[in-house]
């Protein structure tokens, strides 16, 4: 089990607030070191990271609010965080339901990318087809039966996500 949360601190040099995801080591523990259990707990932390990014985005878009307003938003997002953590455990039965675990991993990765500086939209320069990949796909070019095609592929979450273009 991981105990993670979001915290808010004031940087007196930059004169602004900053949110971050934090793990409480005294309240986190393990009985199992299986890769599935560890990955499940990592995604609990990723949910906290998503909410920290969401709070940082709020601060960025509202730079002149009072500290009370920032802490009000912090408490609101903490409640949202706790609800999402419970929903994640309930839906995946603490990682025991594989397809639900995979679905949540995709969902959480997608939410994290919302507040990332990286553009996760892949655009094929020949067909102008575009697709969202939560992490970098690989590009393969094939020639088959006198037809050429390109494929951007991501094998993750127990799925194969693909954008194909025929040339």
Protein backbone atom coordinates (compact mmCIF):
# COMPACT_ATOMS: atom_id res chain seq x y z
CA UNK A 1 0.00 0.00 0.00
CA UNK A 2 1.19 3.47 -0.81
CA UNK A 3 -0.02 6.51 1.04
CA UNK A 4 0.32 9.49 -1.26
CA UNK A 5 -1.21 12.92 -1.31
CA UNK A 6 -0.78 16.38 -2.77
CA UNK A 7 0.85 19.20 -0.88
CA UNK A 8 1.20 22.91 -1.46
CA UNK A 9 4.20 25.08 -0.63
CA UNK A 10 5.09 28.71 -1.07
CA UNK A 11 8.40 29.61 -2.74
CA UNK A 12 9.44 32.90 -1.15
CA UNK A 13 12.14 33.52 -3.78
CA UNK A 14 9.78 33.15 -6.73
CA UNK A 15 6.85 34.46 -4.70
CA UNK A 16 4.46 31.78 -5.87
CA UNK A 17 2.80 28.55 -4.80
CA UNK A 18 3.69 25.12 -6.11
CA UNK A 19 1.87 21.81 -5.66
CA UNK A 20 3.55 18.41 -5.65
CA UNK A 21 2.71 14.75 -5.13
CA UNK A 22 4.25 13.22 -2.03
CA UNK A 23 4.48 9.77 -0.51
CA UNK A 24 4.19 9.21 3.22
CA UNK A 25 6.82 6.52 3.89
CA UNK A 26 5.58 5.92 7.44
CA UNK A 27 2.12 4.97 6.17
CA UNK A 28 3.26 3.03 3.07
CA UNK A 29 4.14 -0.64 3.31
CA UNK A 30 4.36 -3.88 1.34
CA UNK A 31 3.89 -7.59 1.86
CA UNK A 32 4.31 -8.43 -1.80
CA UNK A 33 6.95 -7.43 -4.31
CA UNK A 34 5.08 -8.79 -7.32
CA UNK A 35 5.37 -6.58 -10.38
CA UNK A 36 1.55 -6.32 -10.64
CA UNK A 37 1.20 -5.12 -7.06
CA UNK A 38 4.05 -2.63 -7.41
CA UNK A 39 2.65 -1.31 -10.70
CA UNK A 40 -0.79 -0.92 -9.10
CA UNK A 41 0.73 1.12 -6.26
CA UNK A 42 2.76 3.22 -8.72
CA UNK A 43 -0.51 4.19 -10.40
CA UNK A 44 -1.90 5.27 -7.02
CA UNK A 45 1.03 7.69 -6.85
CA UNK A 46 0.39 8.71 -10.48
CA UNK A 47 -3.18 9.66 -9.49
CA UNK A 48 -1.69 11.96 -6.84
CA UNK A 49 0.69 13.39 -9.44
CA UNK A 50 -2.26 14.10 -11.77
CA UNK A 51 -4.02 16.06 -9.03
CA UNK A 52 -0.83 18.00 -8.20
CA UNK A 53 -0.53 18.96 -11.88
CA UNK A 54 -4.17 19.96 -11.90
CA UNK A 55 -3.56 22.24 -8.91
CA UNK A 56 -0.44 23.72 -10.52
CA UNK A 57 -2.49 24.45 -13.62
CA UNK A 58 -5.08 26.21 -11.47
CA UNK A 59 -2.34 28.29 -9.81
CA UNK A 60 -0.85 29.17 -13.21
CA UNK A 61 -4.24 30.31 -14.51
CA UNK A 62 -5.05 32.25 -11.31
CA UNK A 63 -1.70 33.78 -10.25
CA UNK A 64 -3.06 36.57 -8.04
CA UNK A 65 -5.40 34.69 -5.69
CA UNK A 66 -5.01 34.70 -1.93
CA UNK A 67 -3.39 31.80 -0.14
CA UNK A 68 -6.82 30.92 1.29
CA UNK A 69 -8.15 30.37 -2.24
CA UNK A 70 -5.20 28.12 -3.13
CA UNK A 71 -5.70 26.06 0.02
CA UNK A 72 -9.42 25.86 -0.66
CA UNK A 73 -8.63 24.43 -4.10
CA UNK A 74 -6.07 22.06 -2.51
CA UNK A 75 -8.70 20.62 -0.16
CA UNK A 76 -11.21 20.32 -3.02
CA UNK A 77 -8.67 18.42 -5.14
CA UNK A 78 -7.66 16.22 -2.21
CA UNK A 79 -11.28 15.10 -1.88
CA UNK A 80 -11.37 14.40 -5.62
CA UNK A 81 -8.08 12.52 -5.25
CA UNK A 82 -9.39 10.31 -2.42
CA UNK A 83 -12.54 9.49 -4.41
CA UNK A 84 -10.49 8.57 -7.47
CA UNK A 85 -8.13 6.39 -5.40
CA UNK A 86 -11.12 4.50 -3.95
CA UNK A 87 -12.73 4.11 -7.38
CA UNK A 88 -9.45 2.80 -8.81
CA UNK A 89 -9.17 0.15 -6.07
CA UNK A 90 -12.86 -0.79 -6.30
CA UNK A 91 -12.88 -1.12 -10.10
CA UNK A 92 -9.61 -3.06 -10.33
CA UNK A 93 -10.12 -4.97 -7.05
CA UNK A 94 -6.64 -3.80 -6.01
CA UNK A 95 -5.17 -4.97 -9.38
CA UNK A 96 -6.81 -8.40 -9.34
CA UNK A 97 -9.10 -7.63 -12.32
CA UNK A 98 -6.59 -7.40 -15.18
CA UNK A 99 -8.76 -5.65 -17.79
CA UNK A 100 -9.91 -3.02 -15.29
CA UNK A 101 -6.33 -2.49 -14.13
CA UNK A 102 -5.25 -1.95 -17.76
CA UNK A 103 -8.15 0.41 -18.40
CA UNK A 104 -7.21 2.47 -15.35
CA UNK A 105 -3.55 2.60 -16.41
CA UNK A 106 -4.61 3.99 -19.79
CA UNK A 107 -6.97 6.46 -18.13
CA UNK A 108 -4.37 7.69 -15.62
CA UNK A 109 -1.62 8.00 -18.25
CA UNK A 110 -4.02 9.94 -20.45
CA UNK A 111 -4.95 12.27 -17.59
CA UNK A 112 -1.28 12.87 -16.77
CA UNK A 113 -0.56 13.79 -20.38
CA UNK A 114 -3.27 16.47 -20.21
CA UNK A 115 -0.98 18.50 -17.95
CA UNK A 116 2.28 17.60 -19.63
CA UNK A 117 4.33 19.84 -21.86
CA UNK A 118 4.74 16.92 -24.27
CA UNK A 119 2.33 16.76 -27.19
CA UNK A 120 0.94 13.23 -27.31
CA UNK A 121 -0.85 13.60 -30.64
CA UNK A 122 0.89 11.62 -33.38
CA UNK A 123 0.27 12.96 -36.89
CA UNK A 124 1.20 10.91 -39.93
CA UNK A 125 2.80 13.35 -42.42
CA UNK A 126 1.48 11.50 -45.47
CA UNK A 127 -2.16 10.89 -44.59
CA UNK A 128 -2.51 13.61 -41.94
CA UNK A 129 -4.21 11.00 -39.79
CA UNK A 130 -3.79 11.75 -36.11
CA UNK A 131 -4.22 9.84 -32.88
CA UNK A 132 -3.53 10.30 -29.18
CA UNK A 133 -0.96 7.91 -27.69
CA UNK A 134 -0.30 8.21 -23.94
CA UNK A 135 3.37 7.34 -24.58
CA UNK A 136 5.64 7.24 -27.61
CA UNK A 137 4.67 4.72 -30.31
CA UNK A 138 7.12 2.98 -32.61
CA UNK A 139 7.03 3.59 -36.35
CA UNK A 140 7.21 0.72 -38.81
CA UNK A 141 7.09 0.87 -42.62
CA UNK A 142 5.92 -2.18 -44.56
CA UNK A 143 5.82 -3.20 -48.22
CA UNK A 144 3.33 -5.95 -48.83
CA UNK A 145 1.72 -7.08 -52.12
CA UNK A 146 2.93 -3.96 -53.96
CA UNK A 147 1.35 -1.71 -51.31
CA UNK A 148 3.30 0.28 -48.78
CA UNK A 149 1.99 1.35 -45.42
CA UNK A 150 3.20 2.95 -42.24
CA UNK A 151 2.11 2.01 -38.75
CA UNK A 152 2.57 3.86 -35.47
CA UNK A 153 2.15 1.19 -32.81
CA UNK A 154 1.99 1.21 -29.03
CA UNK A 155 1.71 -2.11 -27.24
CA UNK A 156 0.59 -1.29 -23.73
CA UNK A 157 -2.31 -1.87 -21.35
CA UNK A 158 -2.81 -5.35 -22.76
CA UNK A 159 -3.73 -3.72 -26.08
CA UNK A 160 -2.16 -2.85 -29.38
CA UNK A 161 -2.96 0.76 -30.27
CA UNK A 162 -2.18 1.58 -33.89
CA UNK A 163 -2.45 4.31 -36.52
CA UNK A 164 -1.90 2.95 -40.03
CA UNK A 165 -1.55 4.88 -43.27
CA UNK A 166 -1.35 3.43 -46.74
CA UNK A 167 0.98 5.03 -49.26
